[in-house]
Amino acid sequence: MSIDLKRELITQLVESSRLLRNYIDHRAKTRGTTRAQWIVLFRLRKQEGLSQVDLADVLELQPISLVRLLDRLVEHGLLQRRHDPKDRRANRLFLTASGRQLVDDLDSLRDSIASDVLQDLPDAAIKTSLKALQGIKERIKVLADPPGDIAAK
């Protein structure tokens, strides 16, 4: 593959990612939430009981960056912090009934966004794109955190 093609692919990935984030932000606002809140709610539905530190790790965020977001979700009655019985310093995160209902309602929005954005793309193209994007993601992780780079952690 030529360097020009590689440059164009990177440019398209960056631009598409930005546009998709903005589109999702706009659509999430119509449901009274934000993309960041939505991501937290979806992750906790899959893995309720995560600690704040573990959730930050899964979402690839700094724990301090997550605290305000979690505070807002608690204030809105969507999330509960419960003390970890094994570690007094840690909190475990659980969806409330309202949080669970909201994340279930957001499934239809996610489906709508996927249908709108991927309209007319054949399944084969989507599968090929997924495989390529997963490979790119894994490569970026390796490049961003090379083995033996303990000082960066």
Protein backbone atom coordinates (compact mmCIF):
# COMPACT_ATOMS: atom_id res chain seq x y z
CA MET A 1 0.00 0.00 0.00
CA SER A 2 1.38 3.41 -0.90
CA ILE A 3 2.06 6.06 1.72
CA ASP A 4 -0.57 8.29 0.06
CA LEU A 5 -3.25 5.65 0.63
CA LYS A 6 -2.15 5.21 4.24
CA ARG A 7 -2.24 8.97 4.82
CA GLU A 8 -5.71 9.18 3.29
CA LEU A 9 -6.97 6.33 5.47
CA ILE A 10 -5.65 7.98 8.65
CA THR A 11 -7.20 11.30 7.59
CA GLN A 12 -10.55 9.65 6.92
CA LEU A 13 -10.45 7.79 10.25
CA VAL A 14 -9.75 11.00 12.18
CA GLU A 15 -12.39 13.03 10.36
CA SER A 16 -15.01 10.27 10.48
CA SER A 17 -14.39 9.69 14.18
CA ARG A 18 -14.83 13.39 14.97
CA LEU A 19 -18.01 13.64 12.88
CA LEU A 20 -19.46 10.48 14.43
CA ARG A 21 -18.75 11.70 17.97
CA ASN A 22 -20.45 15.01 17.20
CA TYR A 23 -23.43 13.25 15.62
CA ILE A 24 -23.81 10.94 18.62
CA ASP A 25 -23.49 13.91 21.00
CA HIS A 26 -26.30 15.68 19.15
CA ARG A 27 -28.55 12.61 19.14
CA ALA A 28 -27.80 11.85 22.83
CA LYS A 29 -28.89 15.38 23.80
CA THR A 30 -32.34 14.63 22.39
CA ARG A 31 -32.62 11.94 25.10
CA GLY A 32 -31.33 14.20 27.87
CA THR A 33 -27.94 12.55 28.16
CA THR A 34 -24.42 12.91 26.85
CA ARG A 35 -22.25 10.52 24.88
CA ALA A 36 -19.90 10.22 27.88
CA GLN A 37 -22.78 9.35 30.24
CA TRP A 38 -24.14 6.92 27.70
CA ILE A 39 -20.79 5.10 27.46
CA VAL A 40 -20.60 4.74 31.25
CA LEU A 41 -24.18 3.44 31.47
CA PHE A 42 -23.66 0.90 28.68
CA ARG A 43 -20.44 -0.38 30.25
CA LEU A 44 -22.02 -0.72 33.69
CA ARG A 45 -24.98 -2.60 32.26
CA LYS A 46 -22.44 -5.13 30.94
CA GLN A 47 -20.29 -5.13 34.09
CA GLU A 48 -22.19 -3.90 37.12
CA GLY A 49 -20.17 -3.72 40.29
CA LEU A 50 -16.97 -2.40 38.73
CA SER A 51 -14.87 -0.18 40.93
CA GLN A 52 -14.36 3.41 39.81
CA VAL A 53 -10.70 2.60 39.06
CA ASP A 54 -11.62 -0.49 37.03
CA LEU A 55 -14.26 1.44 35.08
CA ALA A 56 -11.75 4.18 34.29
CA ASP A 57 -9.32 1.52 33.09
CA VAL A 58 -11.91 -0.17 30.87
CA LEU A 59 -12.92 3.20 29.40
CA GLU A 60 -9.26 4.19 29.05
CA LEU A 61 -9.72 7.33 31.18
CA GLN A 62 -7.87 8.73 34.15
CA PRO A 63 -9.88 7.97 37.35
CA ILE A 64 -9.98 11.66 38.24
CA SER A 65 -11.58 12.44 34.85
CA LEU A 66 -14.36 9.99 35.57
CA VAL A 67 -15.30 11.29 39.03
CA ARG A 68 -17.34 14.33 37.88
CA LEU A 69 -19.17 12.27 35.32
CA LEU A 70 -20.06 9.67 37.96
CA ASP A 71 -21.10 12.44 40.37
CA ARG A 72 -23.59 13.74 37.76
CA LEU A 73 -24.99 10.27 37.15
CA VAL A 74 -25.45 9.80 40.91
CA GLU A 75 -27.12 13.23 41.21
CA HIS A 76 -29.54 12.29 38.42
CA GLY A 77 -30.41 9.05 40.21
CA LEU A 78 -29.00 6.85 37.45
CA LEU A 79 -26.10 5.34 39.34
CA GLN A 80 -25.26 4.22 42.87
CA ARG A 81 -21.90 4.02 44.54
CA ARG A 82 -21.66 1.22 47.09
CA HIS A 83 -18.75 0.61 49.41
CA ASP A 84 -16.61 -2.35 48.45
CA PRO A 85 -16.82 -4.88 51.30
CA LYS A 86 -13.26 -6.04 50.54
CA ASP A 87 -11.68 -2.58 50.25
CA ARG A 88 -12.93 0.31 52.39
CA ARG A 89 -11.25 2.84 50.09
CA ALA A 90 -13.09 1.68 46.96
CA ASN A 91 -16.61 2.12 45.66
CA ARG A 92 -18.46 -0.29 43.41
CA LEU A 93 -20.80 1.14 40.77
CA PHE A 94 -24.34 -0.07 40.11
CA LEU A 95 -27.15 1.18 37.91
CA THR A 96 -30.34 2.26 39.61
CA ALA A 97 -33.71 1.21 38.17
CA SER A 98 -33.84 4.61 36.40
CA GLY A 99 -30.33 4.14 35.04
CA ARG A 100 -31.17 0.68 33.76
CA GLN A 101 -34.34 2.01 32.11
CA LEU A 102 -32.43 4.85 30.43
CA VAL A 103 -29.71 2.58 29.07
CA ASP A 104 -32.37 0.16 27.79
CA ASP A 105 -34.13 3.09 26.09
CA LEU A 106 -30.83 4.19 24.56
CA ASP A 107 -30.57 0.84 22.74
CA SER A 108 -33.13 2.08 20.23
CA LEU A 109 -31.13 5.28 19.72
CA ARG A 110 -27.94 3.29 19.16
CA ASP A 111 -29.78 1.12 16.62
CA SER A 112 -31.13 4.21 14.87
CA ILE A 113 -27.68 5.82 14.67
CA ALA A 114 -26.14 2.62 13.32
CA SER A 115 -28.88 2.30 10.70
CA ASP A 116 -28.58 5.93 9.64
CA VAL A 117 -24.79 6.02 9.47
CA LEU A 118 -24.28 2.61 7.87
CA GLN A 119 -27.27 2.80 5.54
CA ASP A 120 -26.64 1.07 2.20
CA LEU A 121 -23.36 -0.51 3.32
CA PRO A 122 -23.41 -4.25 2.60
CA ASP A 123 -22.77 -6.65 5.48
CA ALA A 124 -19.57 -7.83 3.80
CA ALA A 125 -18.19 -4.27 3.78
CA ILE A 126 -19.11 -3.82 7.43
CA LYS A 127 -17.40 -7.09 8.39
CA THR A 128 -14.26 -6.16 6.45
CA SER A 129 -14.24 -2.70 8.02
CA LEU A 130 -14.66 -4.13 11.51
CA LYS A 131 -11.76 -6.50 11.02
CA ALA A 132 -9.54 -3.70 9.71
CA LEU A 133 -10.51 -1.28 12.49
CA GLN A 134 -9.94 -3.90 15.19
CA GLY A 135 -6.48 -4.55 13.76
CA ILE A 136 -5.71 -0.82 13.68
CA LYS A 137 -6.91 -0.43 17.27
CA GLU A 138 -4.71 -3.27 18.51
CA ARG A 139 -1.70 -1.87 16.64
CA ILE A 140 -2.25 1.58 18.17
CA LYS A 141 -2.40 0.04 21.65
CA VAL A 142 0.93 -1.71 21.08
CA LEU A 143 2.53 1.45 19.71
CA ALA A 144 1.13 3.63 22.52
CA ASP A 145 2.23 1.26 25.30
CA PRO A 146 5.21 -0.80 24.15
CA PRO A 147 6.08 -3.90 26.23
CA GLY A 148 8.57 -3.15 28.96
CA ASP A 149 7.60 0.53 29.13
CA ILE A 150 7.04 0.43 32.90
CA ALA A 151 8.03 4.08 33.43
CA ALA A 152 4.97 5.22 31.48
CA LYS A 153 2.59 3.52 33.90
